[in-house]
Amino acid sequence: MAGELKPLVRGWRHERRNGVDLWRWSYDEGEWVTACAGVGVDAAMRAFAEIEKDGPIDLAISAGWAGALRTDLVRGHAYKVSGVIDVRTGERFQVPERQEKRWLVTGSKVADRKESSV
């Protein structure tokens, strides 16, 4: 959501294109672009597709607020993860050479008891 990006894009140039909010920061070697199209997988895909219209992407980072099912994860902190698990498909996208034992589980709703044990 735009509110999640606000502290990360302070001072960046903003535009809205095809229902997607885009923020841009140019520097000597290139440009960083962030995008937001709303909540959920479909919105994230629309945002990513809008960025791709401007040319090839070297690196993608997904950032935002997340809930946790463990009390040792502190609100407002960033954590390194081993990868991402898509609850809908069961796919795992592992970060190469990452030793952490934390996985980010993503889905279209709050995890239930069964999903919390993934």
PDB file of N, CA and C in Angstrom:
ATOM      1  N   MET A   1       0.836  -1.182   0.000  1.00  0.00           N
ATOM      2  CA  MET A   1       0.000   0.000   0.000  1.00  0.00           C
ATOM      3  C   MET A   1       0.881   1.246   0.000  1.00  0.00           C
ATOM      4  N   ALA A   2       0.305   2.333  -0.484  1.00  0.00           N
ATOM      5  CA  ALA A   2       1.052   3.584  -0.574  1.00  0.00           C
ATOM      6  C   ALA A   2       1.587   4.018   0.794  1.00  0.00           C
ATOM      7  N   GLY A   3       0.820   3.814   1.850  1.00  0.00           N
ATOM      8  CA  GLY A   3       1.268   4.190   3.190  1.00  0.00           C
ATOM      9  C   GLY A   3       2.490   3.413   3.638  1.00  0.00           C
ATOM     10  N   GLU A   4       2.634   2.180   3.168  1.00  0.00           N
ATOM     11  CA  GLU A   4       3.798   1.371   3.504  1.00  0.00           C
ATOM     12  C   GLU A   4       5.049   1.908   2.811  1.00  0.00           C
ATOM     13  N   LEU A   5       4.878   2.450   1.621  1.00  0.00           N
ATOM     14  CA  LEU A   5       6.013   2.960   0.861  1.00  0.00           C
ATOM     15  C   LEU A   5       6.414   4.374   1.270  1.00  0.00           C
ATOM     16  N   LYS A   6       5.502   5.111   1.863  1.00  0.00           N
ATOM     17  CA  LYS A   6       5.723   6.526   2.153  1.00  0.00           C
ATOM     18  C   LYS A   6       7.078   6.833   2.800  1.00  0.00           C
ATOM     19  N   PRO A   7       7.481   6.125   3.872  1.00  0.00           N
ATOM     20  CA  PRO A   7       8.786   6.465   4.456  1.00  0.00           C
ATOM     21  C   PRO A   7       9.978   6.086   3.567  1.00  0.00           C
ATOM     22  N   LEU A   8       9.771   5.173   2.629  1.00  0.00           N
ATOM     23  CA  LEU A   8      10.864   4.729   1.758  1.00  0.00           C
ATOM     24  C   LEU A   8      11.070   5.640   0.553  1.00  0.00           C
ATOM     25  N   VAL A   9      10.034   6.374   0.159  1.00  0.00           N
ATOM     26  CA  VAL A   9      10.094   7.150  -1.087  1.00  0.00           C
ATOM     27  C   VAL A   9      10.008   8.661  -0.858  1.00  0.00           C
ATOM     28  N   ARG A  10      10.244   9.083   0.360  1.00  0.00           N
ATOM     29  CA  ARG A  10      10.200  10.516   0.672  1.00  0.00           C
ATOM     30  C   ARG A  10      11.156  11.272  -0.249  1.00  0.00           C
ATOM     31  N   GLY A  11      10.644  12.265  -0.969  1.00  0.00           N
ATOM     32  CA  GLY A  11      11.463  13.074  -1.873  1.00  0.00           C
ATOM     33  C   GLY A  11      11.570  12.525  -3.290  1.00  0.00           C
ATOM     34  N   TRP A  12      10.994  11.348  -3.546  1.00  0.00           N
ATOM     35  CA  TRP A  12      11.050  10.774  -4.888  1.00  0.00           C
ATOM     36  C   TRP A  12       9.962  11.402  -5.766  1.00  0.00           C
ATOM     37  N   ARG A  13      10.159  11.416  -7.069  1.00  0.00           N
ATOM     38  CA  ARG A  13       9.172  11.925  -8.013  1.00  0.00           C
ATOM     39  C   ARG A  13       8.010  10.920  -8.102  1.00  0.00           C
ATOM     40  N   HIS A  14       6.781  11.410  -8.004  1.00  0.00           N
ATOM     41  CA  HIS A  14       5.587  10.542  -8.001  1.00  0.00           C
ATOM     42  C   HIS A  14       4.782  10.747  -9.271  1.00  0.00           C
ATOM     43  N   GLU A  15       4.222   9.674  -9.776  1.00  0.00           N
ATOM     44  CA  GLU A  15       3.267   9.735 -10.893  1.00  0.00           C
ATOM     45  C   GLU A  15       2.257   8.612 -10.711  1.00  0.00           C
ATOM     46  N   ARG A  16       1.115   8.766 -11.334  1.00  0.00           N
ATOM     47  CA  ARG A  16       0.095   7.716 -11.325  1.00  0.00           C
ATOM     48  C   ARG A  16      -0.182   7.362 -12.774  1.00  0.00           C
ATOM     49  N   ARG A  17      -0.082   6.065 -13.081  1.00  0.00           N
ATOM     50  CA  ARG A  17      -0.235   5.601 -14.454  1.00  0.00           C
ATOM     51  C   ARG A  17      -1.038   4.310 -14.451  1.00  0.00           C
ATOM     52  N   ASN A  18      -2.134   4.288 -15.196  1.00  0.00           N
ATOM     53  CA  ASN A  18      -2.979   3.091 -15.319  1.00  0.00           C
ATOM     54  C   ASN A  18      -3.403   2.527 -13.963  1.00  0.00           C
ATOM     55  N   GLY A  19      -3.718   3.414 -13.014  1.00  0.00           N
ATOM     56  CA  GLY A  19      -4.173   2.982 -11.699  1.00  0.00           C
ATOM     57  C   GLY A  19      -3.064   2.516 -10.777  1.00  0.00           C
ATOM     58  N   VAL A  20      -1.809   2.745 -11.166  1.00  0.00           N
ATOM     59  CA  VAL A  20      -0.660   2.338 -10.364  1.00  0.00           C
ATOM     60  C   VAL A  20       0.109   3.590  -9.939  1.00  0.00           C
ATOM     61  N   ASP A  21       0.392   3.694  -8.638  1.00  0.00           N
ATOM     62  CA  ASP A  21       1.238   4.771  -8.146  1.00  0.00           C
ATOM     63  C   ASP A  21       2.689   4.361  -8.328  1.00  0.00           C
ATOM     64  N   LEU A  22       3.483   5.244  -8.939  1.00  0.00           N
ATOM     65  CA  LEU A  22       4.903   4.990  -9.177  1.00  0.00           C
ATOM     66  C   LEU A  22       5.722   6.116  -8.563  1.00  0.00           C
ATOM     67  N   TRP A  23       6.814   5.757  -7.912  1.00  0.00           N
ATOM     68  CA  TRP A  23       7.764   6.731  -7.387  1.00  0.00           C
ATOM     69  C   TRP A  23       9.107   6.425  -7.999  1.00  0.00           C
ATOM     70  N   ARG A  24       9.850   7.476  -8.405  1.00  0.00           N
ATOM     71  CA  ARG A  24      11.125   7.295  -9.089  1.00  0.00           C
ATOM     72  C   ARG A  24      12.232   8.096  -8.405  1.00  0.00           C
ATOM     73  N   TRP A  25      13.404   7.471  -8.329  1.00  0.00           N
ATOM     74  CA  TRP A  25      14.603   8.132  -7.818  1.00  0.00           C
ATOM     75  C   TRP A  25      15.718   7.853  -8.806  1.00  0.00           C
ATOM     76  N   SER A  26      16.199   8.906  -9.475  1.00  0.00           N
ATOM     77  CA  SER A  26      17.279   8.757 -10.450  1.00  0.00           C
ATOM     78  C   SER A  26      18.616   9.055  -9.792  1.00  0.00           C
ATOM     79  N   TYR A  27      19.638   8.327 -10.215  1.00  0.00           N
ATOM     80  CA  TYR A  27      20.999   8.541  -9.742  1.00  0.00           C
ATOM     81  C   TYR A  27      21.938   8.289 -10.918  1.00  0.00           C
ATOM     82  N   ASP A  28      23.228   8.497 -10.735  1.00  0.00           N
ATOM     83  CA  ASP A  28      24.193   8.442 -11.841  1.00  0.00           C
ATOM     84  C   ASP A  28      24.100   7.179 -12.688  1.00  0.00           C
ATOM     85  N   GLU A  29      24.023   6.013 -12.041  1.00  0.00           N
ATOM     86  CA  GLU A  29      24.036   4.749 -12.781  1.00  0.00           C
ATOM     87  C   GLU A  29      22.657   4.239 -13.196  1.00  0.00           C
ATOM     88  N   GLY A  30      21.609   4.894 -12.802  1.00  0.00           N
ATOM     89  CA  GLY A  30      20.296   4.375 -13.174  1.00  0.00           C
ATOM     90  C   GLY A  30      19.158   4.981 -12.402  1.00  0.00           C
ATOM     91  N   GLU A  31      18.179   4.150 -12.127  1.00  0.00           N
ATOM     92  CA  GLU A  31      16.956   4.616 -11.487  1.00  0.00           C
ATOM     93  C   GLU A  31      16.369   3.519 -10.612  1.00  0.00           C
ATOM     94  N   TRP A  32      15.829   3.921  -9.475  1.00  0.00           N
ATOM     95  CA  TRP A  32      15.039   3.034  -8.639  1.00  0.00           C
ATOM     96  C   TRP A  32      13.587   3.411  -8.852  1.00  0.00           C
ATOM     97  N   VAL A  33      12.730   2.410  -8.938  1.00  0.00           N
ATOM     98  CA  VAL A  33      11.299   2.645  -9.131  1.00  0.00           C
ATOM     99  C   VAL A  33      10.534   1.799  -8.136  1.00  0.00           C
ATOM    100  N   THR A  34       9.558   2.389  -7.473  1.00  0.00           N
ATOM    101  CA  THR A  34       8.643   1.632  -6.633  1.00  0.00           C
ATOM    102  C   THR A  34       7.249   1.786  -7.201  1.00  0.00           C
ATOM    103  N   ALA A  35       6.412   0.808  -6.929  1.00  0.00           N
ATOM    104  CA  ALA A  35       5.061   0.843  -7.469  1.00  0.00           C
ATOM    105  C   ALA A  35       4.082   0.238  -6.484  1.00  0.00           C
ATOM    106  N   CYS A  36       2.864   0.741  -6.522  1.00  0.00           N
ATOM    107  CA  CYS A  36       1.801   0.220  -5.674  1.00  0.00           C
ATOM    108  C   CYS A  36       0.486   0.296  -6.435  1.00  0.00           C
ATOM    109  N   ALA A  37      -0.242  -0.806  -6.450  1.00  0.00           N
ATOM    110  CA  ALA A  37      -1.531  -0.844  -7.137  1.00  0.00           C
ATOM    111  C   ALA A  37      -2.646  -1.318  -6.209  1.00  0.00           C
ATOM    112  N   GLY A  38      -2.355  -1.508  -4.919  1.00  0.00           N
ATOM    113  CA  GLY A  38      -3.372  -1.965  -3.977  1.00  0.00           C
ATOM    114  C   GLY A  38      -2.948  -3.237  -3.269  1.00  0.00           C
ATOM    115  N   VAL A  39      -3.942  -3.896  -2.685  1.00  0.00           N
ATOM    116  CA  VAL A  39      -3.704  -5.081  -1.861  1.00  0.00           C
ATOM    117  C   VAL A  39      -3.843  -6.355  -2.682  1.00  0.00           C
ATOM    118  N   GLY A  40      -2.992  -7.329  -2.399  1.00  0.00           N
ATOM    119  CA  GLY A  40      -3.156  -8.663  -2.973  1.00  0.00           C
ATOM    120  C   GLY A  40      -2.236  -8.968  -4.131  1.00  0.00           C
ATOM    121  N   VAL A  41      -2.264 -10.227  -4.504  1.00  0.00           N
ATOM    122  CA  VAL A  41      -1.389 -10.749  -5.551  1.00  0.00           C
ATOM    123  C   VAL A  41      -1.660 -10.078  -6.889  1.00  0.00           C
ATOM    124  N   ASP A  42      -2.932  -9.946  -7.256  1.00  0.00           N
ATOM    125  CA  ASP A  42      -3.263  -9.340  -8.550  1.00  0.00           C
ATOM    126  C   ASP A  42      -2.771  -7.900  -8.627  1.00  0.00           C
ATOM    127  N   ALA A  43      -2.930  -7.141  -7.550  1.00  0.00           N
ATOM    128  CA  ALA A  43      -2.457  -5.761  -7.521  1.00  0.00           C
ATOM    129  C   ALA A  43      -0.938  -5.706  -7.641  1.00  0.00           C
ATOM    130  N   ALA A  44      -0.252  -6.597  -6.950  1.00  0.00           N
ATOM    131  CA  ALA A  44       1.213  -6.642  -7.036  1.00  0.00           C
ATOM    132  C   ALA A  44       1.657  -6.957  -8.460  1.00  0.00           C
ATOM    133  N   MET A  45       0.958  -7.851  -9.119  1.00  0.00           N
ATOM    134  CA  MET A  45       1.303  -8.197 -10.499  1.00  0.00           C
ATOM    135  C   MET A  45       1.080  -7.003 -11.434  1.00  0.00           C
ATOM    136  N   ARG A  46      -0.009  -6.245 -11.216  1.00  0.00           N
ATOM    137  CA  ARG A  46      -0.263  -5.047 -12.028  1.00  0.00           C
ATOM    138  C   ARG A  46       0.842  -4.014 -11.811  1.00  0.00           C
ATOM    139  N   ALA A  47       1.253  -3.831 -10.555  1.00  0.00           N
ATOM    140  CA  ALA A  47       2.303  -2.861 -10.247  1.00  0.00           C
ATOM    141  C   ALA A  47       3.613  -3.268 -10.924  1.00  0.00           C
ATOM    142  N   PHE A  48       3.977  -4.531 -10.822  1.00  0.00           N
ATOM    143  CA  PHE A  48       5.210  -5.025 -11.427  1.00  0.00           C
ATOM    144  C   PHE A  48       5.163  -4.868 -12.943  1.00  0.00           C
ATOM    145  N   ALA A  49       4.032  -5.201 -13.546  1.00  0.00           N
ATOM    146  CA  ALA A  49       3.884  -5.085 -15.001  1.00  0.00           C
ATOM    147  C   ALA A  49       4.032  -3.639 -15.451  1.00  0.00           C
ATOM    148  N   GLU A  50       3.545  -2.705 -14.661  1.00  0.00           N
ATOM    149  CA  GLU A  50       3.658  -1.288 -15.018  1.00  0.00           C
ATOM    150  C   GLU A  50       5.115  -0.843 -14.999  1.00  0.00           C
ATOM    151  N   ILE A  51       5.892  -1.318 -14.042  1.00  0.00           N
ATOM    152  CA  ILE A  51       7.325  -0.996 -14.000  1.00  0.00           C
ATOM    153  C   ILE A  51       8.034  -1.599 -15.215  1.00  0.00           C
ATOM    154  N   GLU A  52       7.677  -2.833 -15.575  1.00  0.00           N
ATOM    155  CA  GLU A  52       8.329  -3.512 -16.707  1.00  0.00           C
ATOM    156  C   GLU A  52       8.117  -2.779 -18.026  1.00  0.00           C
ATOM    157  N   LYS A  53       7.046  -2.000 -18.144  1.00  0.00           N
ATOM    158  CA  LYS A  53       6.784  -1.251 -19.382  1.00  0.00           C
ATOM    159  C   LYS A  53       7.899  -0.253 -19.685  1.00  0.00           C
ATOM    160  N   ASP A  54       8.652   0.169 -18.663  1.00  0.00           N
ATOM    161  CA  ASP A  54       9.713   1.156 -18.854  1.00  0.00           C
ATOM    162  C   ASP A  54      11.036   0.531 -19.259  1.00  0.00           C
ATOM    163  N   GLY A  55      11.121  -0.786 -19.276  1.00  0.00           N
ATOM    164  CA  GLY A  55      12.358  -1.442 -19.684  1.00  0.00           C
ATOM    165  C   GLY A  55      12.734  -2.565 -18.748  1.00  0.00           C
ATOM    166  N   PRO A  56      13.889  -3.177 -18.997  1.00  0.00           N
ATOM    167  CA  PRO A  56      14.316  -4.323 -18.184  1.00  0.00           C
ATOM    168  C   PRO A  56      14.556  -3.938 -16.726  1.00  0.00           C
ATOM    169  N   ILE A  57      14.334  -4.900 -15.845  1.00  0.00           N
ATOM    170  CA  ILE A  57      14.510  -4.716 -14.406  1.00  0.00           C
ATOM    171  C   ILE A  57      15.707  -5.544 -13.963  1.00  0.00           C
ATOM    172  N   ASP A  58      16.605  -4.909 -13.223  1.00  0.00           N
ATOM    173  CA  ASP A  58      17.795  -5.619 -12.733  1.00  0.00           C
ATOM    174  C   ASP A  58      17.535  -6.352 -11.430  1.00  0.00           C
ATOM    175  N   LEU A  59      16.682  -5.794 -10.568  1.00  0.00           N
ATOM    176  CA  LEU A  59      16.464  -6.343  -9.240  1.00  0.00           C
ATOM    177  C   LEU A  59      15.078  -5.939  -8.763  1.00  0.00           C
ATOM    178  N   ALA A  60      14.392  -6.849  -8.100  1.00  0.00           N
ATOM    179  CA  ALA A  60      13.075  -6.542  -7.529  1.00  0.00           C
ATOM    180  C   ALA A  60      13.106  -6.824  -6.036  1.00  0.00           C
ATOM    181  N   ILE A  61      12.559  -5.907  -5.259  1.00  0.00           N
ATOM    182  CA  ILE A  61      12.438  -6.063  -3.811  1.00  0.00           C
ATOM    183  C   ILE A  61      10.990  -5.822  -3.452  1.00  0.00           C
ATOM    184  N   SER A  62      10.411  -6.716  -2.698  1.00  0.00           N
ATOM    185  CA  SER A  62       9.049  -6.531  -2.206  1.00  0.00           C
ATOM    186  C   SER A  62       9.131  -6.053  -0.763  1.00  0.00           C
ATOM    187  N   ALA A  63       8.479  -4.932  -0.477  1.00  0.00           N
ATOM    188  CA  ALA A  63       8.527  -4.368   0.876  1.00  0.00           C
ATOM    189  C   ALA A  63       7.120  -4.029   1.324  1.00  0.00           C
ATOM    190  N   GLY A  64       6.881  -4.173   2.611  1.00  0.00           N
ATOM    191  CA  GLY A  64       5.577  -3.808   3.146  1.00  0.00           C
ATOM    192  C   GLY A  64       5.427  -4.310   4.560  1.00  0.00           C
ATOM    193  N   TRP A  65       4.310  -3.983   5.132  1.00  0.00           N
ATOM    194  CA  TRP A  65       4.018  -4.434   6.480  1.00  0.00           C
ATOM    195  C   TRP A  65       3.557  -5.881   6.423  1.00  0.00           C
ATOM    196  N   ALA A  66       3.883  -6.629   7.442  1.00  0.00           N
ATOM    197  CA  ALA A  66       3.459  -8.024   7.489  1.00  0.00           C
ATOM    198  C   ALA A  66       3.111  -8.391   8.924  1.00  0.00           C
ATOM    199  N   GLY A  67       2.209  -9.319   9.068  1.00  0.00           N
ATOM    200  CA  GLY A  67       1.893  -9.855  10.383  1.00  0.00           C
ATOM    201  C   GLY A  67       2.807 -11.030  10.676  1.00  0.00           C
ATOM    202  N   ALA A  68       2.878 -11.405  11.924  1.00  0.00           N
ATOM    203  CA  ALA A  68       3.727 -12.526  12.296  1.00  0.00           C
ATOM    204  C   ALA A  68       2.981 -13.454  13.227  1.00  0.00           C
ATOM    205  N   LEU A  69       3.312 -14.725  13.163  1.00  0.00           N
ATOM    206  CA  LEU A  69       2.711 -15.722  14.033  1.00  0.00           C
ATOM    207  C   LEU A  69       3.644 -16.099  15.165  1.00  0.00           C
ATOM    208  N   ARG A  70       4.734 -15.371  15.313  1.00  0.00           N
ATOM    209  CA  ARG A  70       5.705 -15.630  16.376  1.00  0.00           C
ATOM    210  C   ARG A  70       5.906 -14.356  17.185  1.00  0.00           C
ATOM    211  N   THR A  71       5.978 -14.494  18.479  1.00  0.00           N
ATOM    212  CA  THR A  71       6.127 -13.324  19.342  1.00  0.00           C
ATOM    213  C   THR A  71       7.542 -12.766  19.358  1.00  0.00           C
ATOM    214  N   ASP A  72       8.537 -13.520  18.879  1.00  0.00           N
ATOM    215  CA  ASP A  72       9.910 -13.006  18.879  1.00  0.00           C
ATOM    216  C   ASP A  72      10.195 -12.087  17.691  1.00  0.00           C
ATOM    217  N   LEU A  73       9.253 -11.932  16.766  1.00  0.00           N
ATOM    218  CA  LEU A  73       9.415 -11.007  15.648  1.00  0.00           C
ATOM    219  C   LEU A  73       8.823  -9.668  16.066  1.00  0.00           C
ATOM    220  N   VAL A  74       9.657  -8.645  16.057  1.00  0.00           N
ATOM    221  CA  VAL A  74       9.301  -7.345  16.607  1.00  0.00           C
ATOM    222  C   VAL A  74       8.748  -6.426  15.518  1.00  0.00           C
ATOM    223  N   ARG A  75       7.633  -5.786  15.826  1.00  0.00           N
ATOM    224  CA  ARG A  75       6.996  -4.843  14.907  1.00  0.00           C
ATOM    225  C   ARG A  75       7.965  -3.725  14.534  1.00  0.00           C
ATOM    226  N   GLY A  76       7.983  -3.361  13.243  1.00  0.00           N
ATOM    227  CA  GLY A  76       8.807  -2.257  12.789  1.00  0.00           C
ATOM    228  C   GLY A  76      10.244  -2.617  12.445  1.00  0.00           C
ATOM    229  N   HIS A  77      10.603  -3.883  12.557  1.00  0.00           N
ATOM    230  CA  HIS A  77      11.956  -4.322  12.235  1.00  0.00           C
ATOM    231  C   HIS A  77      11.975  -5.022  10.879  1.00  0.00           C
ATOM    232  N   ALA A  78      13.121  -5.006  10.250  1.00  0.00           N
ATOM    233  CA  ALA A  78      13.311  -5.740   9.000  1.00  0.00           C
ATOM    234  C   ALA A  78      14.047  -7.046   9.318  1.00  0.00           C
ATOM    235  N   TYR A  79      13.659  -8.101   8.647  1.00  0.00           N
ATOM    236  CA  TYR A  79      14.268  -9.405   8.873  1.00  0.00           C
ATOM    237  C   TYR A  79      14.735 -10.000   7.553  1.00  0.00           C
ATOM    238  N   LYS A  80      15.868 -10.667   7.586  1.00  0.00           N
ATOM    239  CA  LYS A  80      16.322 -11.437   6.431  1.00  0.00           C
ATOM    240  C   LYS A  80      15.554 -12.749   6.438  1.00  0.00           C
ATOM    241  N   VAL A  81      15.183 -13.205   5.269  1.00  0.00           N
ATOM    242  CA  VAL A  81      14.459 -14.475   5.175  1.00  0.00           C
ATOM    243  C   VAL A  81      15.188 -15.408   4.218  1.00  0.00           C
ATOM    244  N   SER A  82      14.910 -16.694   4.376  1.00  0.00           N
ATOM    245  CA  SER A  82      15.479 -17.698   3.486  1.00  0.00           C
ATOM    246  C   SER A  82      14.811 -17.688   2.123  1.00  0.00           C
ATOM    247  N   GLY A  83      13.571 -17.210   2.080  1.00  0.00           N
ATOM    248  CA  GLY A  83      12.832 -17.167   0.830  1.00  0.00           C
ATOM    249  C   GLY A  83      11.372 -16.900   1.094  1.00  0.00           C
ATOM    250  N   VAL A  84      10.580 -17.084   0.052  1.00  0.00           N
ATOM    251  CA  VAL A  84       9.145 -16.817   0.105  1.00  0.00           C
ATOM    252  C   VAL A  84       8.389 -18.084  -0.272  1.00  0.00           C
ATOM    253  N   ILE A  85       7.333 -18.370   0.480  1.00  0.00           N
ATOM    254  CA  ILE A  85       6.436 -19.492   0.160  1.00  0.00           C
ATOM    255  C   ILE A  85       5.102 -18.907  -0.271  1.00  0.00           C
ATOM    256  N   ASP A  86       4.627 -19.303  -1.450  1.00  0.00           N
ATOM    257  CA  ASP A  86       3.312 -18.897  -1.940  1.00  0.00           C
ATOM    258  C   ASP A  86       2.303 -19.931  -1.464  1.00  0.00           C
ATOM    259  N   VAL A  87       1.411 -19.538  -0.557  1.00  0.00           N
ATOM    260  CA  VAL A  87       0.439 -20.468   0.019  1.00  0.00           C
ATOM    261  C   VAL A  87      -0.496 -21.024  -1.050  1.00  0.00           C
ATOM    262  N   ARG A  88      -0.841 -20.223  -2.043  1.00  0.00           N
ATOM    263  CA  ARG A  88      -1.773 -20.684  -3.077  1.00  0.00           C
ATOM    264  C   ARG A  88      -1.220 -21.855  -3.875  1.00  0.00           C
ATOM    265  N   THR A  89       0.089 -21.797  -4.205  1.00  0.00           N
ATOM    266  CA  THR A  89       0.657 -22.816  -5.097  1.00  0.00           C
ATOM    267  C   THR A  89       1.607 -23.772  -4.387  1.00  0.00           C
ATOM    268  N   GLY A  90       2.064 -23.387  -3.200  1.00  0.00           N
ATOM    269  CA  GLY A  90       3.055 -24.186  -2.501  1.00  0.00           C
ATOM    270  C   GLY A  90       4.477 -23.950  -2.984  1.00  0.00           C
ATOM    271  N   GLU A  91       4.632 -23.082  -3.983  1.00  0.00           N
ATOM    272  CA  GLU A  91       5.968 -22.803  -4.513  1.00  0.00           C
ATOM    273  C   GLU A  91       6.836 -22.129  -3.456  1.00  0.00           C
ATOM    274  N   ARG A  92       8.116 -22.474  -3.488  1.00  0.00           N
ATOM    275  CA  ARG A  92       9.106 -21.858  -2.604  1.00  0.00           C
ATOM    276  C   ARG A  92      10.148 -21.177  -3.474  1.00  0.00           C
ATOM    277  N   PHE A  93      10.409 -19.928  -3.161  1.00  0.00           N
ATOM    278  CA  PHE A  93      11.399 -19.137  -3.879  1.00  0.00           C
ATOM    279  C   PHE A  93      12.519 -18.840  -2.888  1.00  0.00           C
ATOM    280  N   GLN A  94      13.578 -19.633  -2.949  1.00  0.00           N
ATOM    281  CA  GLN A  94      14.645 -19.536  -1.956  1.00  0.00           C
ATOM    282  C   GLN A  94      15.686 -18.504  -2.366  1.00  0.00           C
ATOM    283  N   VAL A  95      16.180 -17.778  -1.375  1.00  0.00           N
ATOM    284  CA  VAL A  95      17.268 -16.830  -1.586  1.00  0.00           C
ATOM    285  C   VAL A  95      18.568 -17.625  -1.620  1.00  0.00           C
ATOM    286  N   PRO A  96      19.369 -17.495  -2.673  1.00  0.00           N
ATOM    287  CA  PRO A  96      20.612 -18.267  -2.760  1.00  0.00           C
ATOM    288  C   PRO A  96      21.536 -17.998  -1.571  1.00  0.00           C
ATOM    289  N   GLU A  97      22.120 -19.064  -1.070  1.00  0.00           N
ATOM    290  CA  GLU A  97      23.126 -18.999  -0.007  1.00  0.00           C
ATOM    291  C   GLU A  97      22.633 -18.339   1.280  1.00  0.00           C
ATOM    292  N   ARG A  98      21.351 -18.330   1.529  1.00  0.00           N
ATOM    293  CA  ARG A  98      20.816 -17.699   2.741  1.00  0.00           C
ATOM    294  C   ARG A  98      20.691 -18.760   3.813  1.00  0.00           C
ATOM    295  N   GLN A  99      21.227 -18.502   4.993  1.00  0.00           N
ATOM    296  CA  GLN A  99      21.247 -19.472   6.081  1.00  0.00           C
ATOM    297  C   GLN A  99      20.136 -19.261   7.110  1.00  0.00           C
ATOM    298  N   GLU A 100      19.421 -18.139   7.039  1.00  0.00           N
ATOM    299  CA  GLU A 100      18.360 -17.896   8.015  1.00  0.00           C
ATOM    300  C   GLU A 100      17.314 -19.003   7.940  1.00  0.00           C
ATOM    301  N   LYS A 101      16.626 -19.213   9.029  1.00  0.00           N
ATOM    302  CA  LYS A 101      15.593 -20.250   9.072  1.00  0.00           C
ATOM    303  C   LYS A 101      14.197 -19.618   9.059  1.00  0.00           C
ATOM    304  N   ARG A 102      14.097 -18.399   8.592  1.00  0.00           N
ATOM    305  CA  ARG A 102      12.805 -17.715   8.505  1.00  0.00           C
ATOM    306  C   ARG A 102      12.349 -17.692   7.050  1.00  0.00           C
ATOM    307  N   TRP A 103      11.097 -18.015   6.852  1.00  0.00           N
ATOM    308  CA  TRP A 103      10.493 -17.932   5.527  1.00  0.00           C
ATOM    309  C   TRP A 103       9.350 -16.937   5.588  1.00  0.00           C
ATOM    310  N   LEU A 104       9.185 -16.142   4.553  1.00  0.00           N
ATOM    311  CA  LEU A 104       8.042 -15.258   4.422  1.00  0.00           C
ATOM    312  C   LEU A 104       6.965 -16.043   3.694  1.00  0.00           C
ATOM    313  N   VAL A 105       5.811 -16.194   4.307  1.00  0.00           N
ATOM    314  CA  VAL A 105       4.696 -16.922   3.704  1.00  0.00           C
ATOM    315  C   VAL A 105       3.687 -15.895   3.231  1.00  0.00           C
ATOM    316  N   THR A 106       3.330 -15.952   1.962  1.00  0.00           N
ATOM    317  CA  THR A 106       2.422 -14.973   1.402  1.00  0.00           C
ATOM    318  C   THR A 106       1.161 -15.655   0.892  1.00  0.00           C
ATOM    319  N   GLY A 107       0.047 -14.991   1.103  1.00  0.00           N
ATOM    320  CA  GLY A 107      -1.237 -15.526   0.671  1.00  0.00           C
ATOM    321  C   GLY A 107      -2.252 -14.406   0.557  1.00  0.00           C
ATOM    322  N   SER A 108      -3.456 -14.769   0.219  1.00  0.00           N
ATOM    323  CA  SER A 108      -4.498 -13.763   0.004  1.00  0.00           C
ATOM    324  C   SER A 108      -5.331 -13.489   1.249  1.00  0.00           C
ATOM    325  N   LYS A 109      -5.004 -14.161   2.361  1.00  0.00           N
ATOM    326  CA  LYS A 109      -5.762 -13.956   3.605  1.00  0.00           C
ATOM    327  C   LYS A 109      -4.838 -14.227   4.791  1.00  0.00           C
ATOM    328  N   VAL A 110      -5.321 -13.939   5.975  1.00  0.00           N
ATOM    329  CA  VAL A 110      -4.562 -14.226   7.182  1.00  0.00           C
ATOM    330  C   VAL A 110      -4.449 -15.738   7.333  1.00  0.00           C
ATOM    331  N   ALA A 111      -3.267 -16.220   7.684  1.00  0.00           N
ATOM    332  CA  ALA A 111      -3.020 -17.657   7.802  1.00  0.00           C
ATOM    333  C   ALA A 111      -3.903 -18.281   8.880  1.00  0.00           C
ATOM    334  N   ASP A 112      -4.365 -19.484   8.583  1.00  0.00           N
ATOM    335  CA  ASP A 112      -5.108 -20.238   9.589  1.00  0.00           C
ATOM    336  C   ASP A 112      -4.141 -21.184  10.304  1.00  0.00           C
ATOM    337  N   ARG A 113      -4.641 -21.993  11.239  1.00  0.00           N
ATOM    338  CA  ARG A 113      -3.782 -22.874  12.029  1.00  0.00           C
ATOM    339  C   ARG A 113      -2.961 -23.816  11.136  1.00  0.00           C
ATOM    340  N   LYS A 114      -3.579 -24.400  10.110  1.00  0.00           N
ATOM    341  CA  LYS A 114      -2.878 -25.329   9.219  1.00  0.00           C
ATOM    342  C   LYS A 114      -1.739 -24.614   8.499  1.00  0.00           C
ATOM    343  N   GLU A 115      -2.010 -23.436   7.950  1.00  0.00           N
ATOM    344  CA  GLU A 115      -0.996 -22.691   7.204  1.00  0.00           C
ATOM    345  C   GLU A 115       0.129 -22.191   8.099  1.00  0.00           C
ATOM    346  N   SER A 116      -0.146 -21.969   9.352  1.00  0.00           N
ATOM    347  CA  SER A 116       0.876 -21.418  10.239  1.00  0.00           C
ATOM    348  C   SER A 116       1.984 -22.422  10.527  1.00  0.00           C
ATOM    349  N   SER A 117       1.795 -23.685  10.181  1.00  0.00           N
ATOM    350  CA  SER A 117       2.818 -24.693  10.435  1.00  0.00           C
ATOM    351  C   SER A 117       3.679 -24.972   9.210  1.00  0.00           C
ATOM    352  N   VAL A 118       3.507 -24.206   8.142  1.00  0.00           N
ATOM    353  CA  VAL A 118       4.277 -24.418   6.909  1.00  0.00           C
ATOM    354  C   VAL A 118       5.746 -24.215   7.177  1.00  0.00           C
TER     355      VAL A 118
END
